[in-house]
Structure formats: structure tokens, C-alpha cells
């Protein structure tokens, strides 16, 4: 990748934002959430909690960290929250480390 393309990619997500994303992904439970959502367009919080065998309260903590970091998007429908990956932001964050991407 040439230098201009790399600078554009890096400017799309500033250093602090990328650090927040990587920090959010450093927790094994949060990484599992991302892995589950990578195979789906969207999952309900209850489905995620059941798949991970954790409480909804603990799931809420982890998803809040991921949403605040820009890794996930959250959509409310009635009492339920639905989560999806911010695939473009996540790809930009990871690709910022790849010299030949």
C-alpha cells in the first residue's frame, strides 16, 4: 500500500479511536461477542448472553464497551437490544496495521 493510501486509512480512524477498539477487543468475552456477530448480520442481546452462558447484566457491560469503542452498533426494538458489527470501522482499524493490505 502506498503512503498516501495508508495516511488516508489512518486518518479515517484516529490513533485514540483505534486504541479504544483494540482495548475493547482485548477481553476474551468481548472477542467472543465479535466472533459470534461476524457470522451474523445482527443478534439480540438475549441470544448473545445465552450463547456465551453469561447474564444479561454482564453482556450489557461488555456490549457497552464495544459500542463505545465503535466496534458494535446497537439497535433498540421495544425491550430488546440488537447488536451488529461495525465491519467497516473494524476493518479500517485492523488494516491500519497491515503494510501490504
PDB file of N, CA and C in Angstrom:
ATOM      1  N   UNK A   1       0.858  -1.175   0.000  1.00  0.00           N
ATOM      2  CA  UNK A   1       0.000   0.000   0.000  1.00  0.00           C
ATOM      3  C   UNK A   1       0.899   1.230   0.000  1.00  0.00           C
ATOM      4  N   UNK A   2       0.578   2.194  -0.871  1.00  0.00           N
ATOM      5  CA  UNK A   2       1.412   3.384  -0.932  1.00  0.00           C
ATOM      6  C   UNK A   2       1.136   4.300   0.262  1.00  0.00           C
ATOM      7  N   UNK A   3       2.030   5.227   0.480  1.00  0.00           N
ATOM      8  CA  UNK A   3       1.990   6.090   1.656  1.00  0.00           C
ATOM      9  C   UNK A   3       0.722   6.931   1.711  1.00  0.00           C
ATOM     10  N   UNK A   4       0.256   7.475   0.595  1.00  0.00           N
ATOM     11  CA  UNK A   4      -0.949   8.300   0.589  1.00  0.00           C
ATOM     12  C   UNK A   4      -2.178   7.494   1.002  1.00  0.00           C
ATOM     13  N   UNK A   5      -2.314   6.283   0.485  1.00  0.00           N
ATOM     14  CA  UNK A   5      -3.452   5.432   0.862  1.00  0.00           C
ATOM     15  C   UNK A   5      -3.386   5.096   2.342  1.00  0.00           C
ATOM     16  N   UNK A   6      -2.191   4.817   2.825  1.00  0.00           N
ATOM     17  CA  UNK A   6      -2.016   4.479   4.238  1.00  0.00           C
ATOM     18  C   UNK A   6      -2.390   5.667   5.136  1.00  0.00           C
ATOM     19  N   UNK A   7      -1.993   6.879   4.754  1.00  0.00           N
ATOM     20  CA  UNK A   7      -2.350   8.070   5.527  1.00  0.00           C
ATOM     21  C   UNK A   7      -3.860   8.282   5.536  1.00  0.00           C
ATOM     22  N   UNK A   8      -4.511   8.074   4.392  1.00  0.00           N
ATOM     23  CA  UNK A   8      -5.968   8.213   4.330  1.00  0.00           C
ATOM     24  C   UNK A   8      -6.655   7.211   5.236  1.00  0.00           C
ATOM     25  N   UNK A   9      -6.178   5.974   5.235  1.00  0.00           N
ATOM     26  CA  UNK A   9      -6.743   4.944   6.084  1.00  0.00           C
ATOM     27  C   UNK A   9      -6.562   5.308   7.548  1.00  0.00           C
ATOM     28  N   UNK A  10      -5.373   5.752   7.895  1.00  0.00           N
ATOM     29  CA  UNK A  10      -5.100   6.099   9.285  1.00  0.00           C
ATOM     30  C   UNK A  10      -5.902   7.311   9.726  1.00  0.00           C
ATOM     31  N   UNK A  11      -6.158   8.248   8.831  1.00  0.00           N
ATOM     32  CA  UNK A  11      -6.917   9.430   9.227  1.00  0.00           C
ATOM     33  C   UNK A  11      -8.404   9.113   9.380  1.00  0.00           C
ATOM     34  N   UNK A  12      -8.883   8.021   8.726  1.00  0.00           N
ATOM     35  CA  UNK A  12     -10.294   7.681   8.861  1.00  0.00           C
ATOM     36  C   UNK A  12     -10.618   7.237  10.290  1.00  0.00           C
ATOM     37  N   UNK A  13      -9.676   6.667  10.969  1.00  0.00           N
ATOM     38  CA  UNK A  13      -9.805   6.343  12.387  1.00  0.00           C
ATOM     39  C   UNK A  13      -8.558   6.878  13.084  1.00  0.00           C
ATOM     40  N   UNK A  14      -8.727   7.872  13.934  1.00  0.00           N
ATOM     41  CA  UNK A  14      -7.551   8.431  14.579  1.00  0.00           C
ATOM     42  C   UNK A  14      -6.939   7.430  15.564  1.00  0.00           C
ATOM     43  N   UNK A  15      -5.755   7.727  15.996  1.00  0.00           N
ATOM     44  CA  UNK A  15      -4.996   6.831  16.858  1.00  0.00           C
ATOM     45  C   UNK A  15      -5.762   6.486  18.135  1.00  0.00           C
ATOM     46  N   UNK A  16      -6.383   7.459  18.770  1.00  0.00           N
ATOM     47  CA  UNK A  16      -7.119   7.208  20.011  1.00  0.00           C
ATOM     48  C   UNK A  16      -8.303   6.270  19.773  1.00  0.00           C
ATOM     49  N   UNK A  17      -9.003   6.454  18.653  1.00  0.00           N
ATOM     50  CA  UNK A  17     -10.140   5.588  18.336  1.00  0.00           C
ATOM     51  C   UNK A  17      -9.666   4.156  18.096  1.00  0.00           C
ATOM     52  N   UNK A  18      -8.571   3.996  17.363  1.00  0.00           N
ATOM     53  CA  UNK A  18      -8.034   2.656  17.122  1.00  0.00           C
ATOM     54  C   UNK A  18      -7.595   2.008  18.423  1.00  0.00           C
ATOM     55  N   UNK A  19      -7.004   2.775  19.318  1.00  0.00           N
ATOM     56  CA  UNK A  19      -6.581   2.241  20.615  1.00  0.00           C
ATOM     57  C   UNK A  19      -7.794   1.775  21.424  1.00  0.00           C
ATOM     58  N   UNK A  20      -8.898   2.543  21.386  1.00  0.00           N
ATOM     59  CA  UNK A  20     -10.124   2.132  22.090  1.00  0.00           C
ATOM     60  C   UNK A  20     -10.659   0.825  21.518  1.00  0.00           C
ATOM     61  N   UNK A  21     -10.608   0.701  20.198  1.00  0.00           N
ATOM     62  CA  UNK A  21     -11.116  -0.519  19.570  1.00  0.00           C
ATOM     63  C   UNK A  21     -10.269  -1.724  19.973  1.00  0.00           C
ATOM     64  N   UNK A  22      -8.954  -1.586  19.892  1.00  0.00           N
ATOM     65  CA  UNK A  22      -8.087  -2.706  20.275  1.00  0.00           C
ATOM     66  C   UNK A  22      -8.214  -3.026  21.760  1.00  0.00           C
ATOM     67  N   UNK A  23      -8.360  -2.012  22.587  1.00  0.00           N
ATOM     68  CA  UNK A  23      -8.545  -2.242  24.022  1.00  0.00           C
ATOM     69  C   UNK A  23      -9.838  -3.014  24.271  1.00  0.00           C
ATOM     70  N   UNK A  24     -10.905  -2.635  23.583  1.00  0.00           N
ATOM     71  CA  UNK A  24     -12.184  -3.327  23.756  1.00  0.00           C
ATOM     72  C   UNK A  24     -12.081  -4.788  23.328  1.00  0.00           C
ATOM     73  N   UNK A  25     -11.289  -5.052  22.312  1.00  0.00           N
ATOM     74  CA  UNK A  25     -11.137  -6.412  21.800  1.00  0.00           C
ATOM     75  C   UNK A  25     -10.177  -7.261  22.632  1.00  0.00           C
ATOM     76  N   UNK A  26      -9.511  -6.662  23.608  1.00  0.00           N
ATOM     77  CA  UNK A  26      -8.516  -7.403  24.396  1.00  0.00           C
ATOM     78  C   UNK A  26      -9.147  -8.346  25.420  1.00  0.00           C
ATOM     79  N   UNK A  27     -10.441  -8.207  25.667  1.00  0.00           N
ATOM     80  CA  UNK A  27     -11.127  -9.070  26.622  1.00  0.00           C
ATOM     81  C   UNK A  27     -11.669 -10.311  25.901  1.00  0.00           C
ATOM     82  N   UNK A  28     -11.435 -11.511  26.434  1.00  0.00           N
ATOM     83  CA  UNK A  28     -11.889 -12.731  25.762  1.00  0.00           C
ATOM     84  C   UNK A  28     -13.398 -12.791  25.516  1.00  0.00           C
ATOM     85  N   UNK A  29     -14.192 -12.326  26.461  1.00  0.00           N
ATOM     86  CA  UNK A  29     -15.646 -12.349  26.278  1.00  0.00           C
ATOM     87  C   UNK A  29     -16.061 -11.404  25.165  1.00  0.00           C
ATOM     88  N   UNK A  30     -15.469 -10.218  25.126  1.00  0.00           N
ATOM     89  CA  UNK A  30     -15.804  -9.267  24.066  1.00  0.00           C
ATOM     90  C   UNK A  30     -15.345  -9.782  22.703  1.00  0.00           C
ATOM     91  N   UNK A  31     -14.211 -10.447  22.671  1.00  0.00           N
ATOM     92  CA  UNK A  31     -13.748 -11.039  21.415  1.00  0.00           C
ATOM     93  C   UNK A  31     -14.706 -12.146  20.959  1.00  0.00           C
ATOM     94  N   UNK A  32     -15.249 -12.919  21.895  1.00  0.00           N
ATOM     95  CA  UNK A  32     -16.247 -13.937  21.549  1.00  0.00           C
ATOM     96  C   UNK A  32     -17.507 -13.297  20.978  1.00  0.00           C
ATOM     97  N   UNK A  33     -17.923 -12.176  21.539  1.00  0.00           N
ATOM     98  CA  UNK A  33     -19.100 -11.458  21.024  1.00  0.00           C
ATOM     99  C   UNK A  33     -18.855 -11.062  19.577  1.00  0.00           C
ATOM    100  N   UNK A  34     -17.687 -10.519  19.307  1.00  0.00           N
ATOM    101  CA  UNK A  34     -17.344 -10.113  17.940  1.00  0.00           C
ATOM    102  C   UNK A  34     -17.318 -11.323  17.016  1.00  0.00           C
ATOM    103  N   UNK A  35     -16.752 -12.424  17.471  1.00  0.00           N
ATOM    104  CA  UNK A  35     -16.715 -13.637  16.648  1.00  0.00           C
ATOM    105  C   UNK A  35     -18.112 -14.156  16.346  1.00  0.00           C
ATOM    106  N   UNK A  36     -19.002 -14.144  17.337  1.00  0.00           N
ATOM    107  CA  UNK A  36     -20.378 -14.581  17.105  1.00  0.00           C
ATOM    108  C   UNK A  36     -21.071 -13.678  16.087  1.00  0.00           C
ATOM    109  N   UNK A  37     -20.861 -12.377  16.223  1.00  0.00           N
ATOM    110  CA  UNK A  37     -21.511 -11.435  15.314  1.00  0.00           C
ATOM    111  C   UNK A  37     -20.879 -11.426  13.922  1.00  0.00           C
ATOM    112  N   UNK A  38     -19.663 -11.921  13.807  1.00  0.00           N
ATOM    113  CA  UNK A  38     -19.021 -11.945  12.491  1.00  0.00           C
ATOM    114  C   UNK A  38     -19.733 -12.906  11.541  1.00  0.00           C
ATOM    115  N   UNK A  39     -20.443 -13.868  12.102  1.00  0.00           N
ATOM    116  CA  UNK A  39     -21.160 -14.850  11.286  1.00  0.00           C
ATOM    117  C   UNK A  39     -22.627 -14.472  11.074  1.00  0.00           C
ATOM    118  N   UNK A  40     -23.062 -13.370  11.677  1.00  0.00           N
ATOM    119  CA  UNK A  40     -24.462 -12.948  11.616  1.00  0.00           C
ATOM    120  C   UNK A  40     -24.532 -11.472  11.237  1.00  0.00           C
ATOM    121  N   UNK A  41     -25.668 -11.074  10.701  1.00  0.00           N
ATOM    122  CA  UNK A  41     -25.875  -9.647  10.466  1.00  0.00           C
ATOM    123  C   UNK A  41     -26.180  -8.930  11.775  1.00  0.00           C
ATOM    124  N   UNK A  42     -26.935  -9.613  12.636  1.00  0.00           N
ATOM    125  CA  UNK A  42     -27.411  -8.981  13.871  1.00  0.00           C
ATOM    126  C   UNK A  42     -27.869 -10.080  14.825  1.00  0.00           C
ATOM    127  N   UNK A  43     -27.648  -9.866  16.127  1.00  0.00           N
ATOM    128  CA  UNK A  43     -28.147 -10.786  17.148  1.00  0.00           C
ATOM    129  C   UNK A  43     -28.738  -9.996  18.299  1.00  0.00           C
ATOM    130  N   UNK A  44     -29.762 -10.566  18.893  1.00  0.00           N
ATOM    131  CA  UNK A  44     -30.396  -9.998  20.076  1.00  0.00           C
ATOM    132  C   UNK A  44     -29.478 -10.228  21.277  1.00  0.00           C
ATOM    133  N   UNK A  45     -29.512  -9.309  22.223  1.00  0.00           N
ATOM    134  CA  UNK A  45     -28.707  -9.445  23.425  1.00  0.00           C
ATOM    135  C   UNK A  45     -28.964 -10.753  24.153  1.00  0.00           C
ATOM    136  N   UNK A  46     -30.214 -11.165  24.210  1.00  0.00           N
ATOM    137  CA  UNK A  46     -30.560 -12.425  24.883  1.00  0.00           C
ATOM    138  C   UNK A  46     -29.899 -13.609  24.190  1.00  0.00           C
ATOM    139  N   UNK A  47     -29.867 -13.594  22.860  1.00  0.00           N
ATOM    140  CA  UNK A  47     -29.208 -14.667  22.104  1.00  0.00           C
ATOM    141  C   UNK A  47     -27.706 -14.697  22.386  1.00  0.00           C
ATOM    142  N   UNK A  48     -27.101 -13.524  22.443  1.00  0.00           N
ATOM    143  CA  UNK A  48     -25.673 -13.450  22.745  1.00  0.00           C
ATOM    144  C   UNK A  48     -25.373 -13.962  24.150  1.00  0.00           C
ATOM    145  N   UNK A  49     -26.163 -13.531  25.123  1.00  0.00           N
ATOM    146  CA  UNK A  49     -25.952 -13.954  26.515  1.00  0.00           C
ATOM    147  C   UNK A  49     -26.084 -15.469  26.642  1.00  0.00           C
ATOM    148  N   UNK A  50     -27.092 -16.031  25.985  1.00  0.00           N
ATOM    149  CA  UNK A  50     -27.283 -17.480  26.045  1.00  0.00           C
ATOM    150  C   UNK A  50     -26.120 -18.214  25.376  1.00  0.00           C
ATOM    151  N   UNK A  51     -25.666 -17.725  24.234  1.00  0.00           N
ATOM    152  CA  UNK A  51     -24.568 -18.369  23.526  1.00  0.00           C
ATOM    153  C   UNK A  51     -23.278 -18.347  24.341  1.00  0.00           C
ATOM    154  N   UNK A  52     -23.103 -17.298  25.149  1.00  0.00           N
ATOM    155  CA  UNK A  52     -21.888 -17.148  25.951  1.00  0.00           C
ATOM    156  C   UNK A  52     -22.041 -17.673  27.374  1.00  0.00           C
ATOM    157  N   UNK A  53     -23.262 -18.082  27.735  1.00  0.00           N
ATOM    158  CA  UNK A  53     -23.566 -18.549  29.096  1.00  0.00           C
ATOM    159  C   UNK A  53     -23.212 -17.502  30.144  1.00  0.00           C
ATOM    160  N   UNK A  54     -23.619 -16.249  29.872  1.00  0.00           N
ATOM    161  CA  UNK A  54     -23.424 -15.162  30.824  1.00  0.00           C
ATOM    162  C   UNK A  54     -24.762 -14.472  31.065  1.00  0.00           C
ATOM    163  N   UNK A  55     -24.833 -13.681  32.114  1.00  0.00           N
ATOM    164  CA  UNK A  55     -26.066 -12.955  32.421  1.00  0.00           C
ATOM    165  C   UNK A  55     -26.236 -11.785  31.461  1.00  0.00           C
ATOM    166  N   UNK A  56     -27.472 -11.311  31.363  1.00  0.00           N
ATOM    167  CA  UNK A  56     -27.727 -10.130  30.534  1.00  0.00           C
ATOM    168  C   UNK A  56     -26.999  -8.904  31.084  1.00  0.00           C
ATOM    169  N   UNK A  57     -26.888  -8.818  32.418  1.00  0.00           N
ATOM    170  CA  UNK A  57     -26.182  -7.684  33.020  1.00  0.00           C
ATOM    171  C   UNK A  57     -24.709  -7.676  32.600  1.00  0.00           C
ATOM    172  N   UNK A  58     -24.072  -8.835  32.609  1.00  0.00           N
ATOM    173  CA  UNK A  58     -22.670  -8.911  32.199  1.00  0.00           C
ATOM    174  C   UNK A  58     -22.538  -8.650  30.701  1.00  0.00           C
ATOM    175  N   UNK A  59     -23.473  -9.178  29.920  1.00  0.00           N
ATOM    176  CA  UNK A  59     -23.458  -8.906  28.485  1.00  0.00           C
ATOM    177  C   UNK A  59     -23.579  -7.406  28.228  1.00  0.00           C
ATOM    178  N   UNK A  60     -24.472  -6.753  28.962  1.00  0.00           N
ATOM    179  CA  UNK A  60     -24.680  -5.309  28.806  1.00  0.00           C
ATOM    180  C   UNK A  60     -23.370  -4.548  29.048  1.00  0.00           C
ATOM    181  N   UNK A  61     -22.633  -4.945  30.071  1.00  0.00           N
ATOM    182  CA  UNK A  61     -21.338  -4.304  30.347  1.00  0.00           C
ATOM    183  C   UNK A  61     -20.410  -4.447  29.138  1.00  0.00           C
ATOM    184  N   UNK A  62     -20.275  -5.675  28.651  1.00  0.00           N
ATOM    185  CA  UNK A  62     -19.350  -5.926  27.542  1.00  0.00           C
ATOM    186  C   UNK A  62     -19.800  -5.241  26.252  1.00  0.00           C
ATOM    187  N   UNK A  63     -21.074  -5.283  25.952  1.00  0.00           N
ATOM    188  CA  UNK A  63     -21.541  -4.643  24.722  1.00  0.00           C
ATOM    189  C   UNK A  63     -21.421  -3.127  24.814  1.00  0.00           C
ATOM    190  N   UNK A  64     -21.617  -2.556  25.981  1.00  0.00           N
ATOM    191  CA  UNK A  64     -21.438  -1.103  26.134  1.00  0.00           C
ATOM    192  C   UNK A  64     -20.001  -0.696  25.811  1.00  0.00           C
ATOM    193  N   UNK A  65     -19.040  -1.482  26.271  1.00  0.00           N
ATOM    194  CA  UNK A  65     -17.630  -1.199  25.972  1.00  0.00           C
ATOM    195  C   UNK A  65     -17.402  -1.265  24.461  1.00  0.00           C
ATOM    196  N   UNK A  66     -17.960  -2.304  23.816  1.00  0.00           N
ATOM    197  CA  UNK A  66     -17.784  -2.468  22.371  1.00  0.00           C
ATOM    198  C   UNK A  66     -18.490  -1.378  21.573  1.00  0.00           C
ATOM    199  N   UNK A  67     -19.666  -0.969  22.015  1.00  0.00           N
ATOM    200  CA  UNK A  67     -20.392   0.117  21.341  1.00  0.00           C
ATOM    201  C   UNK A  67     -19.629   1.430  21.514  1.00  0.00           C
ATOM    202  N   UNK A  68     -19.174   1.725  22.734  1.00  0.00           N
ATOM    203  CA  UNK A  68     -18.421   2.959  22.992  1.00  0.00           C
ATOM    204  C   UNK A  68     -17.133   3.024  22.179  1.00  0.00           C
ATOM    205  N   UNK A  69     -16.535   1.860  21.918  1.00  0.00           N
ATOM    206  CA  UNK A  69     -15.295   1.815  21.145  1.00  0.00           C
ATOM    207  C   UNK A  69     -15.545   1.866  19.644  1.00  0.00           C
ATOM    208  N   UNK A  70     -16.796   1.743  19.243  1.00  0.00           N
ATOM    209  CA  UNK A  70     -17.115   1.788  17.817  1.00  0.00           C
ATOM    210  C   UNK A  70     -17.057   0.442  17.123  1.00  0.00           C
ATOM    211  N   UNK A  71     -16.901  -0.633  17.887  1.00  0.00           N
ATOM    212  CA  UNK A  71     -16.824  -1.973  17.311  1.00  0.00           C
ATOM    213  C   UNK A  71     -18.213  -2.481  16.939  1.00  0.00           C
ATOM    214  N   UNK A  72     -19.198  -2.183  17.790  1.00  0.00           N
ATOM    215  CA  UNK A  72     -20.573  -2.640  17.573  1.00  0.00           C
ATOM    216  C   UNK A  72     -21.525  -1.472  17.397  1.00  0.00           C
ATOM    217  N   UNK A  73     -22.639  -1.769  16.733  1.00  0.00           N
ATOM    218  CA  UNK A  73     -23.785  -0.860  16.690  1.00  0.00           C
ATOM    219  C   UNK A  73     -24.911  -1.513  17.480  1.00  0.00           C
ATOM    220  N   UNK A  74     -25.719  -0.678  18.103  1.00  0.00           N
ATOM    221  CA  UNK A  74     -26.834  -1.164  18.920  1.00  0.00           C
ATOM    222  C   UNK A  74     -28.122  -0.564  18.397  1.00  0.00           C
ATOM    223  N   UNK A  75     -29.129  -1.438  18.268  1.00  0.00           N
ATOM    224  CA  UNK A  75     -30.451  -1.002  17.825  1.00  0.00           C
ATOM    225  C   UNK A  75     -31.465  -1.494  18.843  1.00  0.00           C
ATOM    226  N   UNK A  76     -32.302  -0.592  19.337  1.00  0.00           N
ATOM    227  CA  UNK A  76     -33.349  -0.952  20.293  1.00  0.00           C
ATOM    228  C   UNK A  76     -34.649  -1.203  19.548  1.00  0.00           C
ATOM    229  N   UNK A  77     -35.338  -2.253  19.947  1.00  0.00           N
ATOM    230  CA  UNK A  77     -36.679  -2.529  19.436  1.00  0.00           C
ATOM    231  C   UNK A  77     -37.493  -3.013  20.617  1.00  0.00           C
ATOM    232  N   UNK A  78     -38.350  -2.144  21.123  1.00  0.00           N
ATOM    233  CA  UNK A  78     -39.106  -2.480  22.324  1.00  0.00           C
ATOM    234  C   UNK A  78     -38.155  -2.649  23.495  1.00  0.00           C
ATOM    235  N   UNK A  79     -38.290  -3.782  24.185  1.00  0.00           N
ATOM    236  CA  UNK A  79     -37.430  -4.066  25.335  1.00  0.00           C
ATOM    237  C   UNK A  79     -36.088  -4.668  24.938  1.00  0.00           C
ATOM    238  N   UNK A  80     -35.941  -5.010  23.697  1.00  0.00           N
ATOM    239  CA  UNK A  80     -34.775  -5.765  23.271  1.00  0.00           C
ATOM    240  C   UNK A  80     -33.735  -4.889  22.562  1.00  0.00           C
ATOM    241  N   UNK A  81     -32.479  -5.263  22.746  1.00  0.00           N
ATOM    242  CA  UNK A  81     -31.370  -4.618  22.055  1.00  0.00           C
ATOM    243  C   UNK A  81     -30.787  -5.605  21.063  1.00  0.00           C
ATOM    244  N   UNK A  82     -30.494  -5.104  19.883  1.00  0.00           N
ATOM    245  CA  UNK A  82     -29.907  -5.911  18.818  1.00  0.00           C
ATOM    246  C   UNK A  82     -28.554  -5.317  18.475  1.00  0.00           C
ATOM    247  N   UNK A  83     -27.580  -6.196  18.285  1.00  0.00           N
ATOM    248  CA  UNK A  83     -26.215  -5.769  18.053  1.00  0.00           C
ATOM    249  C   UNK A  83     -25.716  -6.262  16.704  1.00  0.00           C
ATOM    250  N   UNK A  84     -24.887  -5.435  16.078  1.00  0.00           N
ATOM    251  CA  UNK A  84     -24.239  -5.812  14.825  1.00  0.00           C
ATOM    252  C   UNK A  84     -22.832  -5.221  14.822  1.00  0.00           C
ATOM    253  N   UNK A  85     -21.965  -5.851  14.031  1.00  0.00           N
ATOM    254  CA  UNK A  85     -20.588  -5.367  13.909  1.00  0.00           C
ATOM    255  C   UNK A  85     -20.527  -4.133  13.035  1.00  0.00           C
ATOM    256  N   UNK A  86     -19.703  -3.183  13.413  1.00  0.00           N
ATOM    257  CA  UNK A  86     -19.342  -2.069  12.535  1.00  0.00           C
ATOM    258  C   UNK A  86     -18.167  -2.578  11.697  1.00  0.00           C
ATOM    259  N   UNK A  87     -18.496  -3.354  10.683  1.00  0.00           N
ATOM    260  CA  UNK A  87     -17.479  -4.055   9.906  1.00  0.00           C
ATOM    261  C   UNK A  87     -16.482  -3.109   9.248  1.00  0.00           C
ATOM    262  N   UNK A  88     -16.944  -1.988   8.731  1.00  0.00           N
ATOM    263  CA  UNK A  88     -16.031  -1.052   8.061  1.00  0.00           C
ATOM    264  C   UNK A  88     -15.037  -0.444   9.037  1.00  0.00           C
ATOM    265  N   UNK A  89     -15.515  -0.034  10.201  1.00  0.00           N
ATOM    266  CA  UNK A  89     -14.623   0.561  11.199  1.00  0.00           C
ATOM    267  C   UNK A  89     -13.638  -0.474  11.725  1.00  0.00           C
ATOM    268  N   UNK A  90     -14.119  -1.680  11.949  1.00  0.00           N
ATOM    269  CA  UNK A  90     -13.247  -2.745  12.433  1.00  0.00           C
ATOM    270  C   UNK A  90     -12.186  -3.093  11.382  1.00  0.00           C
ATOM    271  N   UNK A  91     -12.596  -3.178  10.131  1.00  0.00           N
ATOM    272  CA  UNK A  91     -11.648  -3.472   9.043  1.00  0.00           C
ATOM    273  C   UNK A  91     -10.611  -2.360   8.917  1.00  0.00           C
ATOM    274  N   UNK A  92     -11.045  -1.105   9.014  1.00  0.00           N
ATOM    275  CA  UNK A  92     -10.106   0.020   8.918  1.00  0.00           C
ATOM    276  C   UNK A  92      -9.104  -0.021  10.055  1.00  0.00           C
ATOM    277  N   UNK A  93      -9.562  -0.380  11.247  1.00  0.00           N
ATOM    278  CA  UNK A  93      -8.692  -0.457  12.405  1.00  0.00           C
ATOM    279  C   UNK A  93      -7.645  -1.537  12.215  1.00  0.00           C
ATOM    280  N   UNK A  94      -8.073  -2.700  11.798  1.00  0.00           N
ATOM    281  CA  UNK A  94      -7.143  -3.820  11.612  1.00  0.00           C
ATOM    282  C   UNK A  94      -6.221  -3.550  10.417  1.00  0.00           C
ATOM    283  N   UNK A  95      -6.777  -3.037   9.337  1.00  0.00           N
ATOM    284  CA  UNK A  95      -5.964  -2.770   8.154  1.00  0.00           C
ATOM    285  C   UNK A  95      -4.921  -1.683   8.373  1.00  0.00           C
ATOM    286  N   UNK A  96      -5.151  -0.827   9.376  1.00  0.00           N
ATOM    287  CA  UNK A  96      -4.171   0.225   9.655  1.00  0.00           C
ATOM    288  C   UNK A  96      -2.835  -0.367  10.106  1.00  0.00           C
ATOM    289  N   UNK A  97      -2.852  -1.626  10.522  1.00  0.00           N
ATOM    290  CA  UNK A  97      -1.622  -2.294  10.954  1.00  0.00           C
ATOM    291  C   UNK A  97      -0.945  -3.063   9.837  1.00  0.00           C
ATOM    292  N   UNK A  98      -1.660  -3.283   8.758  1.00  0.00           N
ATOM    293  CA  UNK A  98      -1.153  -4.115   7.670  1.00  0.00           C
ATOM    294  C   UNK A  98      -0.471  -3.240   6.614  1.00  0.00           C
ATOM    295  N   UNK A  99       0.774  -3.467   6.411  1.00  0.00           N
ATOM    296  CA  UNK A  99       1.535  -2.654   5.469  1.00  0.00           C
ATOM    297  C   UNK A  99       1.189  -2.965   4.022  1.00  0.00           C
ATOM    298  N   UNK A 100       0.850  -4.210   3.734  1.00  0.00           N
ATOM    299  CA  UNK A 100       0.612  -4.604   2.346  1.00  0.00           C
ATOM    300  C   UNK A 100      -0.858  -4.811   2.033  1.00  0.00           C
ATOM    301  N   UNK A 101      -1.769  -4.350   2.887  1.00  0.00           N
ATOM    302  CA  UNK A 101      -3.209  -4.562   2.657  1.00  0.00           C
ATOM    303  C   UNK A 101      -3.728  -3.652   1.572  1.00  0.00           C
TER     304      UNK A 101
END
